C-alpha atoms as a PDB file:
ATOM      1  CA  MET A   1     110.535 105.918  78.727  1.00  0.00           C
ATOM      2  CA  ILE A   2     109.432 103.225  81.118  1.00  0.00           C
ATOM      3  CA  TYR A   3     105.849 103.094  82.143  1.00  0.00           C
ATOM      4  CA  SER A   4     104.813 100.252  84.480  1.00  0.00           C
ATOM      5  CA  THR A   5     101.853  99.612  86.641  1.00  0.00           C
ATOM      6  CA  ALA A   6     100.613  97.000  88.829  1.00  0.00           C
ATOM      7  CA  THR A   7      97.742  96.540  91.298  1.00  0.00           C
ATOM      8  CA  VAL A   8      97.011  94.101  94.183  1.00  0.00           C
ATOM      9  CA  PRO A   9      94.298  93.522  96.825  1.00  0.00           C
ATOM     10  CA  VAL A  10      95.381  94.899 100.185  1.00  0.00           C
ATOM     11  CA  ASN A  11      93.299  92.274 101.882  1.00  0.00           C
ATOM     12  CA  PRO A  12      93.206  88.924  99.830  1.00  0.00           C
ATOM     13  CA  ASP A  13      91.383  85.990 101.309  1.00  0.00           C
ATOM     14  CA  GLY A  14      93.400  84.138 103.939  1.00  0.00           C
ATOM     15  CA  GLU A  15      95.377  87.314 105.036  1.00  0.00           C
ATOM     16  CA  THR A  16      95.144  89.313 108.240  1.00  0.00           C
ATOM     17  CA  LYS A  17      92.845  92.483 107.099  1.00  0.00           C
ATOM     18  CA  LEU A  18      94.602  95.775 107.042  1.00  0.00           C
ATOM     19  CA  THR A  19      92.635  99.044 107.537  1.00  0.00           C
ATOM     20  CA  ARG A  20      93.374 101.838 105.102  1.00  0.00           C
ATOM     21  CA  GLU A  21      95.148 103.436 108.097  1.00  0.00           C
ATOM     22  CA  GLU A  22      97.273 100.396 108.828  1.00  0.00           C
ATOM     23  CA  ALA A  23      98.203  99.939 105.062  1.00  0.00           C
ATOM     24  CA  TRP A  24      98.993 103.757 104.917  1.00  0.00           C
ATOM     25  CA  LYS A  25     101.420 103.471 107.914  1.00  0.00           C
ATOM     26  CA  GLY A  26     103.146 100.760 106.224  1.00  0.00           C
ATOM     27  CA  LEU A  27     103.577 102.897 103.198  1.00  0.00           C
ATOM     28  CA  GLU A  28     104.894 105.598 105.104  1.00  0.00           C
ATOM     29  CA  LEU A  29     107.320 103.699 107.020  1.00  0.00           C
ATOM     30  CA  LYS A  30     108.641 102.154 103.766  1.00  0.00           C
ATOM     31  CA  ALA A  31     108.845 105.852 102.219  1.00  0.00           C
ATOM     32  CA  ARG A  32     111.039 106.826 105.275  1.00  0.00           C
ATOM     33  CA  ASP A  33     113.134 103.702 105.607  1.00  0.00           C
ATOM     34  CA  ALA A  34     112.917 101.083 102.951  1.00  0.00           C
ATOM     35  CA  ARG A  35     115.443  98.577 104.455  1.00  0.00           C
ATOM     36  CA  GLU A  36     112.710  96.592 106.212  1.00  0.00           C
ATOM     37  CA  PHE A  37     110.419  96.355 103.643  1.00  0.00           C
ATOM     38  CA  LEU A  38     112.783  95.328 100.634  1.00  0.00           C
ATOM     39  CA  PRO A  39     114.511  91.884 100.330  1.00  0.00           C
ATOM     40  CA  ALA A  40     117.420  91.534 102.754  1.00  0.00           C
ATOM     41  CA  GLY A  41     120.281  93.366 101.350  1.00  0.00           C
ATOM     42  CA  LEU A  42     118.739  95.168  98.509  1.00  0.00           C
ATOM     43  CA  CYS A  43     118.584  98.524 100.367  1.00  0.00           C
ATOM     44  CA  THR A  44     121.732  99.107 102.547  1.00  0.00           C
ATOM     45  CA  ARG A  45     121.326 102.642 103.424  1.00  0.00           C
ATOM     46  CA  CYS A  46     118.004 104.731 103.704  1.00  0.00           C
ATOM     47  CA  ASP A  47     118.300 107.912 105.638  1.00  0.00           C
ATOM     48  CA  VAL A  48     115.861 110.988 105.615  1.00  0.00           C
ATOM     49  CA  SER A  49     118.215 113.899 105.255  1.00  0.00           C
ATOM     50  CA  GLU A  50     115.627 116.845 104.948  1.00  0.00           C
ATOM     51  CA  GLU A  51     111.962 117.222 105.922  1.00  0.00           C
ATOM     52  CA  SER A  52     109.610 120.218 105.343  1.00  0.00           C
ATOM     53  CA  ALA A  53     105.686 120.575 105.754  1.00  0.00           C
ATOM     54  CA  THR A  54     105.219 119.468 102.086  1.00  0.00           C
ATOM     55  CA  HIS A  55     107.703 116.675 101.505  1.00  0.00           C
ATOM     56  CA  PHE A  56     111.123 114.917 102.575  1.00  0.00           C
ATOM     57  CA  VAL A  57     114.219 113.850 101.102  1.00  0.00           C
ATOM     58  CA  ARG A  58     115.495 110.302 101.335  1.00  0.00           C
ATOM     59  CA  ASP A  59     119.198 109.280 100.479  1.00  0.00           C
ATOM     60  CA  ALA A  60     119.338 105.736  99.979  1.00  0.00           C
ATOM     61  CA  THR A  61     121.530 102.753  98.282  1.00  0.00           C
ATOM     62  CA  ILE A  62     119.201 100.311  96.598  1.00  0.00           C
ATOM     63  CA  ALA A  63     120.631  97.480  94.476  1.00  0.00           C
ATOM     64  CA  GLY A  64     124.095  99.222  94.822  1.00  0.00           C
ATOM     65  CA  ALA A  65     122.817 102.420  93.313  1.00  0.00           C
ATOM     66  CA  ASP A  66     122.957 105.570  95.363  1.00  0.00           C
ATOM     67  CA  LEU A  67     120.031 107.742  94.868  1.00  0.00           C
ATOM     68  CA  ARG A  68     118.160 110.773  96.214  1.00  0.00           C
ATOM     69  CA  GLU A  69     114.407 110.932  96.233  1.00  0.00           C
ATOM     70  CA  ILE A  70     112.077 113.531  97.150  1.00  0.00           C
ATOM     71  CA  ILE A  71     109.045 111.999  98.551  1.00  0.00           C
ATOM     72  CA  VAL A  72     105.382 113.688  98.683  1.00  0.00           C
ATOM     73  CA  LEU A  73     103.011 111.868 100.936  1.00  0.00           C
ATOM     74  CA  GLU A  74      99.331 112.565 100.459  1.00  0.00           C
ATOM     75  CA  PRO A  75      98.002 111.310 103.806  1.00  0.00           C
ATOM     76  CA  GLN A  76      95.834 108.077 103.460  1.00  0.00           C
ATOM     77  CA  THR A  77      96.095 108.066  99.565  1.00  0.00           C
ATOM     78  CA  LYS A  78      99.349 108.374  97.866  1.00  0.00           C
ATOM     79  CA  VAL A  79     103.219 108.312  98.131  1.00  0.00           C
ATOM     80  CA  THR A  80     105.017 109.800  95.195  1.00  0.00           C
ATOM     81  CA  PHE A  81     108.834 109.222  95.017  1.00  0.00           C
ATOM     82  CA  PHE A  82     110.632 111.749  92.530  1.00  0.00           C
ATOM     83  CA  GLN A  83     114.003 110.540  91.308  1.00  0.00           C
ATOM     84  CA  ALA A  84     116.305 113.580  91.918  1.00  0.00           C
ATOM     85  CA  THR A  85     119.505 111.616  91.521  1.00  0.00           C
ATOM     86  CA  GLY A  86     120.601 108.108  90.676  1.00  0.00           C
ATOM     87  CA  PRO A  87     120.234 105.668  87.709  1.00  0.00           C
ATOM     88  CA  ARG A  88     116.550 106.764  86.991  1.00  0.00           C
ATOM     89  CA  GLU A  89     114.572 110.084  86.531  1.00  0.00           C
ATOM     90  CA  GLY A  90     110.851 110.480  86.754  1.00  0.00           C
ATOM     91  CA  ALA A  91     108.317 109.525  89.366  1.00  0.00           C
ATOM     92  CA  ILE A  92     107.143 106.148  91.204  1.00  0.00           C
ATOM     93  CA  VAL A  93     103.679 106.180  92.869  1.00  0.00           C
ATOM     94  CA  ASN A  94     102.217 104.105  95.392  1.00  0.00           C
ATOM     95  CA  GLU A  95      98.372 104.526  95.708  1.00  0.00           C
ATOM     96  CA  LEU A  96      95.668 103.263  97.948  1.00  0.00           C
ATOM     97  CA  PHE A  97      92.131 103.135  96.514  1.00  0.00           C
ATOM     98  CA  GLU A  98      88.943 101.255  96.709  1.00  0.00           C
ATOM     99  CA  ASP A  99      87.827  99.365  93.541  1.00  0.00           C
ATOM    100  CA  GLU A 100      84.331  99.515  92.226  1.00  0.00           C
ATOM    101  CA  ALA A 101      83.241  96.791  94.788  1.00  0.00           C
ATOM    102  CA  GLY A 102      84.792  98.699  97.623  1.00  0.00           C
ATOM    103  CA  ALA A 103      87.795  96.749  98.338  1.00  0.00           C
ATOM    104  CA  LEU A 104      90.847  98.311  99.212  1.00  0.00           C
ATOM    105  CA  GLN A 105      93.585  98.007  96.575  1.00  0.00           C
ATOM    106  CA  LEU A 106      97.151  99.176  96.369  1.00  0.00           C
ATOM    107  CA  LYS A 107      98.441 100.303  93.116  1.00  0.00           C
ATOM    108  CA  PHE A 108     102.095 101.007  91.886  1.00  0.00           C
ATOM    109  CA  TYR A 109     102.864 103.011  88.623  1.00  0.00           C
ATOM    110  CA  CYS A 110     105.775 104.753  87.446  1.00  0.00           C
ATOM    111  CA  TYR A 111     106.907 106.809  84.515  1.00  0.00           C
ATOM    112  CA  LEU A 112     110.904 106.784  84.421  1.00  0.00           C
ATOM    113  CA  GLY A 113     113.826 107.265  82.144  1.00  0.00           C
ATOM    114  CA  LEU A 114     117.393 105.867  82.608  1.00  0.00           C
ATOM    115  CA  ARG A 115     119.879 108.655  82.893  1.00  0.00           C
ATOM    116  CA  GLY A 116     122.288 108.829  80.182  1.00  0.00           C
ATOM    117  CA  LYS A 117     120.814 106.005  78.349  1.00  0.00           C
ATOM    118  CA  ALA A 118     118.991 106.087  74.868  1.00  0.00           C
ATOM    119  CA  PRO A 119     115.173 106.478  75.174  1.00  0.00           C
ATOM    120  CA  ASN A 120     113.490 103.064  74.419  1.00  0.00           C
ATOM    121  CA  GLY A 121     117.206 101.681  74.043  1.00  0.00           C
ATOM    122  CA  PRO A 122     118.081  98.236  75.148  1.00  0.00           C
ATOM    123  CA  GLU A 123     118.662  99.469  78.795  1.00  0.00           C
ATOM    124  CA  GLU A 124     115.213 100.884  79.116  1.00  0.00           C
ATOM    125  CA  GLN A 125     113.734  97.883  77.511  1.00  0.00           C
ATOM    126  CA  ALA A 126     115.573  95.612  80.002  1.00  0.00           C
ATOM    127  CA  GLU A 127     114.275  97.729  82.804  1.00  0.00           C
ATOM    128  CA  GLN A 128     110.628  97.732  81.533  1.00  0.00           C
ATOM    129  CA  ALA A 129     110.616  93.983  81.119  1.00  0.00           C
ATOM    130  CA  LEU A 130     111.847  93.614  84.785  1.00  0.00           C
ATOM    131  CA  PHE A 131     109.393  96.209  86.091  1.00  0.00           C
ATOM    132  CA  ASP A 132     106.582  94.163  84.431  1.00  0.00           C
ATOM    133  CA  SER A 133     107.882  90.814  85.478  1.00  0.00           C
ATOM    134  CA  ASP A 134     106.887  88.542  88.558  1.00  0.00           C
ATOM    135  CA  LYS A 135     109.994  90.086  90.214  1.00  0.00           C
ATOM    136  CA  GLY A 136     109.059  93.523  89.560  1.00  0.00           C
ATOM    137  CA  TYR A 137     106.887  96.093  91.341  1.00  0.00           C
ATOM    138  CA  LYS A 138     104.045  93.808  91.911  1.00  0.00           C
ATOM    139  CA  ALA A 139     106.370  91.738  94.025  1.00  0.00           C
ATOM    140  CA  ALA A 140     107.427  94.897  95.907  1.00  0.00           C
ATOM    141  CA  LEU A 141     103.756  95.701  96.549  1.00  0.00           C
ATOM    142  CA  LEU A 142     103.205  92.248  97.953  1.00  0.00           C
ATOM    143  CA  SER A 143     106.388  92.300 100.333  1.00  0.00           C
ATOM    144  CA  THR A 144     105.301  95.879 101.562  1.00  0.00           C
ATOM    145  CA  LEU A 145     101.798  94.456 102.597  1.00  0.00           C
ATOM    146  CA  LYS A 146     103.459  91.418 103.880  1.00  0.00           C
ATOM    147  CA  ARG A 147     105.840  93.182 106.092  1.00  0.00           C
ATOM    148  CA  THR A 148     102.888  95.751 107.071  1.00  0.00           C
ATOM    149  CA  ARG A 149     101.054  92.625 108.555  1.00  0.00           C
ATOM    150  CA  GLU A 150     104.169  91.628 110.193  1.00  0.00           C
ATOM    151  CA  LEU A 151     104.797  94.985 111.907  1.00  0.00           C
ATOM    152  CA  LEU A 152     101.024  94.881 113.035  1.00  0.00           C
ATOM    153  CA  THR A 153     101.455  91.563 114.495  1.00  0.00           C
ATOM    154  CA  GLU A 154     104.626  92.596 116.390  1.00  0.00           C
ATOM    155  CA  GLY A 155     102.820  95.696 117.762  1.00  0.00           C
ATOM    156  CA  ARG A 156     105.099  98.142 115.778  1.00  0.00           C
ATOM    157  CA  LEU A 157     102.819  99.569 113.429  1.00  0.00           C
END
Protein backbone atom coordinates (compact mmCIF):
# COMPACT_ATOMS: atom_id res chain seq x y z
CA MET A 1 0.00 0.00 0.00
CA ILE A 2 1.00 3.57 -0.61
CA TYR A 3 0.70 6.09 2.19
CA SER A 4 1.87 9.60 1.57
CA THR A 5 1.30 12.92 3.28
CA ALA A 6 2.40 16.52 2.85
CA THR A 7 1.41 19.78 4.52
CA VAL A 8 2.02 23.32 3.30
CA PRO A 9 1.11 26.71 4.77
CA VAL A 10 -1.79 28.35 2.94
CA ASN A 11 -0.31 31.80 3.54
CA PRO A 12 3.49 31.73 3.39
CA ASP A 13 5.35 35.03 3.72
CA GLY A 14 5.29 37.13 0.59
CA GLU A 15 2.12 35.61 -0.88
CA THR A 16 -1.34 37.12 -1.18
CA LYS A 17 -3.28 36.02 1.89
CA LEU A 18 -6.14 33.60 1.33
CA THR A 19 -8.99 33.23 3.80
CA ARG A 20 -10.25 29.76 4.67
CA GLU A 21 -13.27 30.45 2.44
CA GLU A 22 -11.07 31.42 -0.52
CA ALA A 23 -8.78 28.41 -0.06
CA TRP A 24 -11.85 26.19 0.23
CA LYS A 25 -13.35 27.61 -2.96
CA GLY A 26 -10.12 26.75 -4.78
CA LEU A 27 -10.24 23.17 -3.48
CA GLU A 28 -13.87 22.82 -4.51
CA LEU A 29 -13.19 24.19 -7.99
CA LYS A 30 -10.24 21.80 -8.37
CA ALA A 31 -12.43 18.87 -7.31
CA ARG A 32 -15.00 19.75 -9.97
CA ASP A 33 -12.50 20.45 -12.76
CA ALA A 34 -8.82 19.74 -12.20
CA ARG A 35 -7.69 20.98 -15.64
CA GLU A 36 -7.03 24.55 -14.45
CA PHE A 37 -5.17 23.40 -11.35
CA LEU A 38 -2.80 20.75 -12.68
CA PRO A 39 0.22 21.35 -14.92
CA ALA A 40 -0.75 22.04 -18.54
CA GLY A 41 -1.72 18.88 -20.40
CA LEU A 42 -1.71 16.61 -17.35
CA CYS A 43 -5.50 16.54 -17.07
CA THR A 44 -7.15 16.41 -20.49
CA ARG A 45 -10.73 15.61 -19.43
CA CYS A 46 -12.58 16.31 -16.21
CA ASP A 47 -16.37 16.13 -16.08
CA VAL A 48 -18.86 15.83 -13.24
CA SER A 49 -21.14 13.00 -14.39
CA GLU A 50 -23.35 12.55 -11.31
CA GLU A 51 -24.26 14.73 -8.36
CA SER A 52 -26.17 14.18 -5.13
CA ALA A 53 -26.61 15.92 -1.79
CA THR A 54 -23.68 13.97 -0.31
CA HIS A 55 -21.18 13.56 -3.15
CA PHE A 56 -20.48 13.87 -6.85
CA VAL A 57 -18.78 11.65 -9.40
CA ARG A 58 -15.98 12.93 -11.59
CA ASP A 59 -14.74 11.22 -14.76
CA ALA A 60 -11.29 12.37 -15.77
CA THR A 61 -8.23 11.58 -17.80
CA ILE A 62 -5.12 12.43 -15.81
CA ALA A 63 -1.61 11.54 -16.98
CA GLY A 64 -3.20 9.49 -19.76
CA ALA A 65 -5.23 7.31 -17.38
CA ASP A 66 -9.03 7.30 -17.40
CA LEU A 67 -10.49 7.30 -13.93
CA ARG A 68 -13.68 7.79 -12.02
CA GLU A 69 -13.68 9.34 -8.58
CA ILE A 70 -16.43 9.67 -6.01
CA ILE A 71 -15.80 13.01 -4.34
CA VAL A 72 -17.11 13.98 -0.91
CA LEU A 73 -16.93 17.60 0.23
CA GLU A 74 -16.90 18.47 3.92
CA PRO A 75 -17.44 22.23 3.52
CA GLN A 76 -14.58 24.51 4.54
CA THR A 77 -12.59 21.49 5.75
CA LYS A 78 -11.98 18.45 3.57
CA VAL A 79 -12.25 17.01 0.06
CA THR A 80 -11.98 13.22 -0.24
CA PHE A 81 -11.40 11.59 -3.63
CA PHE A 82 -12.36 7.90 -3.60
CA GLN A 83 -10.76 6.11 -6.54
CA ALA A 84 -13.65 4.10 -8.05
CA THR A 85 -11.89 3.15 -11.31
CA GLY A 86 -8.48 3.75 -12.77
CA PRO A 87 -4.97 2.61 -11.95
CA ARG A 88 -5.32 3.28 -8.20
CA GLU A 89 -7.76 2.24 -5.51
CA GLY A 90 -8.19 3.94 -2.17
CA ALA A 91 -8.64 7.53 -1.06
CA ILE A 92 -6.89 10.87 -1.50
CA VAL A 93 -7.71 13.68 0.95
CA ASN A 94 -7.08 17.44 0.87
CA GLU A 95 -7.73 19.05 4.25
CA LEU A 96 -7.67 22.63 5.54
CA PHE A 97 -6.83 23.10 9.21
CA GLU A 98 -5.23 25.55 11.61
CA ASP A 99 -1.97 24.51 13.22
CA GLU A 100 -1.15 25.05 16.91
CA ALA A 101 -0.21 28.68 16.16
CA GLY A 102 -3.50 29.31 14.36
CA ALA A 103 -1.97 29.43 10.86
CA LEU A 104 -4.05 27.93 8.06
CA GLN A 105 -2.49 24.80 6.55
CA LEU A 106 -3.35 22.59 3.58
CA LYS A 107 -2.65 18.90 4.04
CA PHE A 108 -2.67 16.07 1.54
CA TYR A 109 -2.77 12.44 2.54
CA CYS A 110 -3.59 9.25 0.73
CA TYR A 111 -3.87 5.54 1.28
CA LEU A 112 -3.77 3.80 -2.07
CA GLY A 113 -3.02 0.56 -3.83
CA LEU A 114 -2.36 -0.07 -7.50
CA ARG A 115 -5.00 -2.23 -9.16
CA GLY A 116 -3.59 -5.49 -10.48
CA LYS A 117 -0.14 -4.95 -8.99
CA ALA A 118 1.57 -6.77 -6.14
CA PRO A 119 1.23 -4.99 -2.78
CA ASN A 120 4.51 -3.22 -2.02
CA GLY A 121 5.87 -4.45 -5.34
CA PRO A 122 8.16 -2.42 -7.57
CA GLU A 123 5.28 -0.45 -9.12
CA GLU A 124 3.89 0.61 -5.73
CA GLN A 125 7.37 1.42 -4.47
CA ALA A 126 7.97 3.65 -7.50
CA GLU A 127 4.60 5.36 -6.98
CA GLN A 128 5.42 5.88 -3.28
CA ALA A 129 8.74 7.48 -4.18
CA LEU A 130 7.04 9.78 -6.71
CA PHE A 131 4.32 10.84 -4.24
CA ASP A 132 6.94 11.65 -1.62
CA SER A 133 9.23 13.53 -4.02
CA ASP A 134 9.34 17.26 -4.77
CA LYS A 135 7.24 16.52 -7.87
CA GLY A 136 4.60 14.65 -5.88
CA TYR A 137 1.57 15.83 -4.02
CA LYS A 138 3.36 18.61 -2.17
CA ALA A 139 3.90 20.24 -5.56
CA ALA A 140 0.19 19.70 -6.31
CA LEU A 141 -0.77 21.48 -3.07
CA LEU A 142 1.47 24.42 -3.94
CA SER A 143 0.13 24.64 -7.50
CA THR A 144 -3.46 24.51 -6.19
CA LEU A 145 -2.81 27.45 -3.88
CA LYS A 146 -0.99 29.35 -6.65
CA ARG A 147 -3.90 28.86 -9.04
CA THR A 148 -6.39 29.84 -6.32
CA ARG A 149 -4.50 33.12 -5.86
CA GLU A 150 -4.54 33.71 -9.62
CA LEU A 151 -8.31 33.12 -9.76
CA LEU A 152 -8.78 35.53 -6.85
CA THR A 153 -6.71 38.19 -8.64
CA GLU A 154 -8.72 37.62 -11.85
CA GLY A 155 -11.98 38.01 -9.90
CA ARG A 156 -13.02 34.45 -10.77
CA LEU A 157 -13.00 32.94 -7.28
